[in-house]
Amino acid sequence: MKRVIAFVLFIFSSFYLFGQDKDIATEHYKVNGICEQCKKRIEDAAYIKGVKKAEWNVKTHDLTITYRLSKTSANTILTSVAKAGHDNDLVLATDEDYKKLPSCCLYRTIKK
């Protein structure tokens, strides 16, 4: 009898765990920045309620976000990043927010 109860609990917990994956998304976006200081600022800005993981690559400028679809959206996350002064695929930072960046992080003035 104990085995049957344990088996039933295992089955129900498996359904619960697998059902949670439908609510989680992982996406990649380009975010402008230059250095490790930018990396910290971008990741901190992206880490809002509902975000499980935010990681920005300095070399590729790729921001990987993993978040709960029921709690937030990519647009909300990237709006927060733009508010921190960093242009991205969906939202451009206002000139006012951009000018708040330290002088070493002013990516718009760097010639590519």
N, C-alpha and C. Protein backbone atom coordinates (compact mmCIF):
# COMPACT_ATOMS: atom_id res chain seq x y z
N MET A 1 0.81 -1.19 0.00
CA MET A 1 0.00 0.00 0.00
C MET A 1 0.86 1.26 0.00
N LYS A 2 1.97 1.23 0.77
CA LYS A 2 2.86 2.38 0.82
C LYS A 2 3.48 2.65 -0.55
N ARG A 3 3.78 1.58 -1.27
CA ARG A 3 4.36 1.73 -2.60
C ARG A 3 3.36 2.37 -3.56
N VAL A 4 2.11 2.01 -3.45
CA VAL A 4 1.08 2.57 -4.33
C VAL A 4 0.93 4.06 -4.04
N ILE A 5 0.89 4.43 -2.78
CA ILE A 5 0.78 5.85 -2.41
C ILE A 5 2.00 6.62 -2.88
N ALA A 6 3.18 6.07 -2.68
CA ALA A 6 4.40 6.72 -3.13
C ALA A 6 4.41 6.88 -4.65
N PHE A 7 3.96 5.86 -5.36
CA PHE A 7 3.91 5.92 -6.81
C PHE A 7 2.94 7.00 -7.29
N VAL A 8 1.77 7.06 -6.67
CA VAL A 8 0.76 8.07 -7.04
C VAL A 8 1.30 9.47 -6.76
N LEU A 9 1.94 9.66 -5.62
CA LEU A 9 2.54 10.97 -5.32
C LEU A 9 3.62 11.34 -6.32
N PHE A 10 4.41 10.37 -6.71
CA PHE A 10 5.46 10.60 -7.70
C PHE A 10 4.85 11.05 -9.03
N ILE A 11 3.81 10.38 -9.47
CA ILE A 11 3.15 10.71 -10.73
C ILE A 11 2.58 12.13 -10.69
N PHE A 12 1.87 12.47 -9.62
CA PHE A 12 1.29 13.81 -9.51
C PHE A 12 2.35 14.90 -9.43
N SER A 13 3.44 14.64 -8.72
CA SER A 13 4.50 15.64 -8.64
C SER A 13 5.19 15.80 -9.98
N SER A 14 5.29 14.74 -10.77
CA SER A 14 5.88 14.84 -12.10
C SER A 14 5.04 15.72 -13.01
N PHE A 15 3.73 15.54 -12.96
CA PHE A 15 2.84 16.38 -13.76
C PHE A 15 2.98 17.84 -13.35
N TYR A 16 3.07 18.10 -12.06
CA TYR A 16 3.20 19.46 -11.57
C TYR A 16 4.50 20.09 -12.07
N LEU A 17 5.60 19.37 -11.96
CA LEU A 17 6.90 19.90 -12.38
C LEU A 17 6.95 20.14 -13.88
N PHE A 18 6.44 19.21 -14.67
CA PHE A 18 6.47 19.39 -16.11
C PHE A 18 5.52 20.49 -16.55
N GLY A 19 4.45 20.70 -15.85
CA GLY A 19 3.49 21.76 -16.18
C GLY A 19 4.08 23.14 -15.98
N GLN A 20 5.06 23.27 -15.10
CA GLN A 20 5.66 24.56 -14.81
C GLN A 20 6.53 25.05 -15.97
N ASP A 21 7.09 24.18 -16.76
CA ASP A 21 7.99 24.57 -17.85
C ASP A 21 7.28 25.39 -18.92
N LYS A 22 5.99 25.24 -19.08
CA LYS A 22 5.26 25.98 -20.10
C LYS A 22 5.21 27.46 -19.80
N ASP A 23 5.42 27.82 -18.55
CA ASP A 23 5.35 29.21 -18.11
C ASP A 23 6.71 29.91 -18.17
N ILE A 24 7.76 29.20 -18.53
CA ILE A 24 9.10 29.77 -18.54
C ILE A 24 9.62 29.89 -19.97
N ALA A 25 10.18 31.07 -20.27
CA ALA A 25 10.74 31.32 -21.61
C ALA A 25 12.18 31.77 -21.46
N THR A 26 13.00 31.40 -22.44
CA THR A 26 14.37 31.89 -22.53
C THR A 26 14.53 32.54 -23.89
N GLU A 27 15.00 33.79 -23.89
CA GLU A 27 15.14 34.54 -25.14
C GLU A 27 16.46 35.29 -25.14
N HIS A 28 16.88 35.69 -26.34
CA HIS A 28 18.15 36.40 -26.53
C HIS A 28 17.87 37.72 -27.24
N TYR A 29 18.52 38.78 -26.76
CA TYR A 29 18.38 40.10 -27.37
C TYR A 29 19.73 40.80 -27.40
N LYS A 30 19.93 41.64 -28.38
CA LYS A 30 21.14 42.47 -28.46
C LYS A 30 20.92 43.70 -27.60
N VAL A 31 21.91 43.99 -26.74
CA VAL A 31 21.86 45.16 -25.87
C VAL A 31 23.20 45.86 -25.99
N ASN A 32 23.18 47.16 -26.26
CA ASN A 32 24.42 47.92 -26.42
C ASN A 32 25.07 48.21 -25.08
N GLY A 33 26.38 48.07 -25.06
CA GLY A 33 27.19 48.33 -23.89
C GLY A 33 28.64 48.10 -24.25
N ILE A 34 29.52 48.34 -23.29
CA ILE A 34 30.95 48.28 -23.61
C ILE A 34 31.74 47.36 -22.68
N CYS A 35 31.49 47.49 -21.38
CA CYS A 35 32.43 46.91 -20.41
C CYS A 35 31.74 46.12 -19.30
N GLU A 36 32.54 45.71 -18.34
CA GLU A 36 32.02 44.96 -17.19
C GLU A 36 31.07 45.81 -16.35
N GLN A 37 31.31 47.11 -16.31
CA GLN A 37 30.41 48.01 -15.61
C GLN A 37 29.03 47.99 -16.28
N CYS A 38 29.03 48.00 -17.60
CA CYS A 38 27.78 47.91 -18.36
C CYS A 38 27.11 46.57 -18.08
N LYS A 39 27.90 45.50 -18.05
CA LYS A 39 27.36 44.16 -17.79
C LYS A 39 26.58 44.13 -16.49
N LYS A 40 27.17 44.65 -15.44
CA LYS A 40 26.49 44.66 -14.13
C LYS A 40 25.21 45.48 -14.20
N ARG A 41 25.28 46.66 -14.81
CA ARG A 41 24.11 47.54 -14.90
C ARG A 41 22.99 46.90 -15.70
N ILE A 42 23.32 46.28 -16.83
CA ILE A 42 22.33 45.64 -17.70
C ILE A 42 21.68 44.46 -16.98
N GLU A 43 22.50 43.61 -16.39
CA GLU A 43 21.96 42.43 -15.69
C GLU A 43 21.10 42.84 -14.50
N ASP A 44 21.55 43.86 -13.76
CA ASP A 44 20.75 44.33 -12.62
C ASP A 44 19.42 44.90 -13.09
N ALA A 45 19.43 45.66 -14.17
CA ALA A 45 18.20 46.26 -14.70
C ALA A 45 17.26 45.19 -15.24
N ALA A 46 17.81 44.15 -15.82
CA ALA A 46 16.99 43.08 -16.40
C ALA A 46 16.39 42.17 -15.32
N TYR A 47 17.00 42.14 -14.18
CA TYR A 47 16.55 41.23 -13.13
C TYR A 47 15.40 41.85 -12.35
N ILE A 48 14.20 41.84 -12.95
CA ILE A 48 13.00 42.35 -12.31
C ILE A 48 12.14 41.17 -11.86
N LYS A 49 11.00 41.45 -11.23
CA LYS A 49 10.13 40.38 -10.75
C LYS A 49 9.72 39.47 -11.91
N GLY A 50 9.90 38.18 -11.72
CA GLY A 50 9.55 37.19 -12.73
C GLY A 50 10.75 36.69 -13.53
N VAL A 51 11.87 37.39 -13.44
CA VAL A 51 13.08 36.99 -14.17
C VAL A 51 13.85 35.98 -13.33
N LYS A 52 14.16 34.85 -13.94
CA LYS A 52 14.92 33.80 -13.25
C LYS A 52 16.41 33.94 -13.49
N LYS A 53 16.77 34.43 -14.70
CA LYS A 53 18.18 34.54 -15.05
C LYS A 53 18.34 35.65 -16.08
N ALA A 54 19.38 36.46 -15.91
CA ALA A 54 19.72 37.51 -16.87
C ALA A 54 21.24 37.53 -16.99
N GLU A 55 21.72 37.29 -18.21
CA GLU A 55 23.17 37.24 -18.42
C GLU A 55 23.52 37.95 -19.72
N TRP A 56 24.42 38.95 -19.62
CA TRP A 56 24.84 39.73 -20.78
C TRP A 56 26.29 39.42 -21.10
N ASN A 57 26.58 39.18 -22.39
CA ASN A 57 27.93 38.87 -22.83
C ASN A 57 28.58 40.14 -23.37
N VAL A 58 29.72 40.55 -22.80
CA VAL A 58 30.40 41.79 -23.17
C VAL A 58 30.84 41.76 -24.63
N LYS A 59 31.33 40.63 -25.11
CA LYS A 59 31.86 40.54 -26.48
C LYS A 59 30.76 40.50 -27.54
N THR A 60 29.72 39.73 -27.30
CA THR A 60 28.68 39.57 -28.33
C THR A 60 27.50 40.52 -28.14
N HIS A 61 27.44 41.17 -26.98
CA HIS A 61 26.33 42.08 -26.62
C HIS A 61 25.00 41.35 -26.56
N ASP A 62 25.04 40.07 -26.30
CA ASP A 62 23.84 39.24 -26.25
C ASP A 62 23.35 39.12 -24.81
N LEU A 63 22.09 39.52 -24.59
CA LEU A 63 21.46 39.37 -23.29
C LEU A 63 20.54 38.15 -23.35
N THR A 64 20.81 37.19 -22.48
CA THR A 64 19.96 36.00 -22.38
C THR A 64 19.12 36.16 -21.13
N ILE A 65 17.80 36.10 -21.34
CA ILE A 65 16.89 36.22 -20.21
C ILE A 65 16.01 34.99 -20.12
N THR A 66 15.84 34.51 -18.92
CA THR A 66 14.92 33.41 -18.63
C THR A 66 13.92 33.96 -17.63
N TYR A 67 12.63 33.89 -18.00
CA TYR A 67 11.62 34.53 -17.16
C TYR A 67 10.30 33.79 -17.22
N ARG A 68 9.44 34.09 -16.25
CA ARG A 68 8.09 33.52 -16.19
C ARG A 68 7.15 34.37 -17.02
N LEU A 69 6.52 33.75 -17.99
CA LEU A 69 5.58 34.44 -18.87
C LEU A 69 4.39 35.01 -18.10
N SER A 70 4.01 34.36 -17.02
CA SER A 70 2.86 34.82 -16.24
C SER A 70 3.20 36.02 -15.34
N LYS A 71 4.48 36.32 -15.17
CA LYS A 71 4.89 37.40 -14.28
C LYS A 71 5.37 38.65 -15.01
N THR A 72 5.98 38.47 -16.19
CA THR A 72 6.55 39.62 -16.90
C THR A 72 6.64 39.30 -18.40
N SER A 73 7.19 40.23 -19.16
CA SER A 73 7.35 40.03 -20.60
C SER A 73 8.72 40.55 -21.01
N ALA A 74 9.15 40.15 -22.20
CA ALA A 74 10.43 40.62 -22.72
C ALA A 74 10.41 42.13 -22.86
N ASN A 75 9.30 42.68 -23.30
CA ASN A 75 9.19 44.13 -23.47
C ASN A 75 9.38 44.85 -22.13
N THR A 76 8.79 44.34 -21.07
CA THR A 76 8.93 44.95 -19.74
C THR A 76 10.38 44.88 -19.27
N ILE A 77 11.01 43.75 -19.48
CA ILE A 77 12.41 43.58 -19.07
C ILE A 77 13.31 44.53 -19.85
N LEU A 78 13.13 44.59 -21.16
CA LEU A 78 13.99 45.44 -21.98
C LEU A 78 13.69 46.92 -21.80
N THR A 79 12.49 47.26 -21.38
CA THR A 79 12.19 48.65 -21.03
C THR A 79 12.98 49.04 -19.79
N SER A 80 13.10 48.13 -18.84
CA SER A 80 13.89 48.37 -17.64
C SER A 80 15.37 48.55 -18.00
N VAL A 81 15.86 47.76 -18.94
CA VAL A 81 17.26 47.87 -19.39
C VAL A 81 17.46 49.22 -20.09
N ALA A 82 16.52 49.65 -20.91
CA ALA A 82 16.61 50.94 -21.59
C ALA A 82 16.58 52.09 -20.58
N LYS A 83 15.78 51.93 -19.54
CA LYS A 83 15.70 52.95 -18.48
C LYS A 83 17.05 53.10 -17.78
N ALA A 84 17.84 52.03 -17.78
CA ALA A 84 19.18 52.07 -17.20
C ALA A 84 20.19 52.70 -18.16
N GLY A 85 19.74 53.05 -19.38
CA GLY A 85 20.61 53.74 -20.34
C GLY A 85 21.11 52.92 -21.50
N HIS A 86 20.63 51.69 -21.66
CA HIS A 86 21.17 50.81 -22.69
C HIS A 86 20.13 50.47 -23.77
N ASP A 87 20.47 50.88 -25.02
CA ASP A 87 19.62 50.55 -26.17
C ASP A 87 19.59 49.05 -26.36
N ASN A 88 18.48 48.53 -26.88
CA ASN A 88 18.37 47.10 -27.16
C ASN A 88 17.47 46.87 -28.35
N ASP A 89 17.24 45.62 -28.69
CA ASP A 89 16.44 45.26 -29.87
C ASP A 89 15.02 45.81 -29.84
N LEU A 90 14.43 45.96 -28.66
CA LEU A 90 13.03 46.37 -28.59
C LEU A 90 12.82 47.81 -28.16
N VAL A 91 13.69 48.34 -27.30
CA VAL A 91 13.47 49.67 -26.73
C VAL A 91 14.78 50.46 -26.74
N LEU A 92 14.71 51.70 -27.21
CA LEU A 92 15.88 52.59 -27.17
C LEU A 92 15.84 53.40 -25.88
N ALA A 93 17.01 53.61 -25.31
CA ALA A 93 17.12 54.45 -24.11
C ALA A 93 16.87 55.90 -24.51
N THR A 94 16.23 56.63 -23.63
CA THR A 94 16.05 58.07 -23.90
C THR A 94 17.42 58.73 -23.77
N ASP A 95 17.56 59.90 -24.39
CA ASP A 95 18.82 60.64 -24.29
C ASP A 95 19.12 60.97 -22.84
N GLU A 96 18.09 61.27 -22.09
CA GLU A 96 18.25 61.59 -20.67
C GLU A 96 18.83 60.41 -19.89
N ASP A 97 18.28 59.21 -20.12
CA ASP A 97 18.79 58.01 -19.43
C ASP A 97 20.20 57.66 -19.90
N TYR A 98 20.45 57.81 -21.21
CA TYR A 98 21.77 57.51 -21.77
C TYR A 98 22.84 58.42 -21.15
N LYS A 99 22.52 59.70 -20.98
CA LYS A 99 23.49 60.66 -20.45
C LYS A 99 23.83 60.41 -18.99
N LYS A 100 23.06 59.61 -18.29
CA LYS A 100 23.34 59.27 -16.90
C LYS A 100 24.45 58.22 -16.77
N LEU A 101 24.80 57.56 -17.89
CA LEU A 101 25.86 56.55 -17.86
C LEU A 101 27.20 57.19 -17.57
N PRO A 102 28.12 56.46 -16.95
CA PRO A 102 29.49 56.97 -16.76
C PRO A 102 30.12 57.23 -18.13
N SER A 103 31.04 58.16 -18.20
CA SER A 103 31.64 58.54 -19.49
C SER A 103 32.31 57.36 -20.20
N CYS A 104 32.81 56.39 -19.46
CA CYS A 104 33.46 55.24 -20.09
C CYS A 104 32.46 54.28 -20.72
N CYS A 105 31.19 54.45 -20.42
CA CYS A 105 30.15 53.52 -20.92
C CYS A 105 29.30 54.12 -22.03
N LEU A 106 29.69 55.26 -22.55
CA LEU A 106 28.89 55.93 -23.58
C LEU A 106 29.12 55.25 -24.94
N TYR A 107 28.42 54.18 -25.17
CA TYR A 107 28.61 53.33 -26.35
C TYR A 107 28.20 54.01 -27.65
N ARG A 108 27.34 54.99 -27.62
CA ARG A 108 26.89 55.67 -28.85
C ARG A 108 28.01 56.50 -29.47
N THR A 109 28.96 56.93 -28.67
CA THR A 109 30.04 57.78 -29.17
C THR A 109 31.26 56.98 -29.63
N ILE A 110 31.27 55.69 -29.37
CA ILE A 110 32.39 54.83 -29.78
C ILE A 110 32.24 54.52 -31.25
N LYS A 111 33.31 54.74 -32.02
CA LYS A 111 33.28 54.42 -33.45
C LYS A 111 33.57 52.96 -33.64
N LYS A 112 32.77 52.31 -34.46
CA LYS A 112 32.93 50.87 -34.69
C LYS A 112 33.76 50.60 -35.91
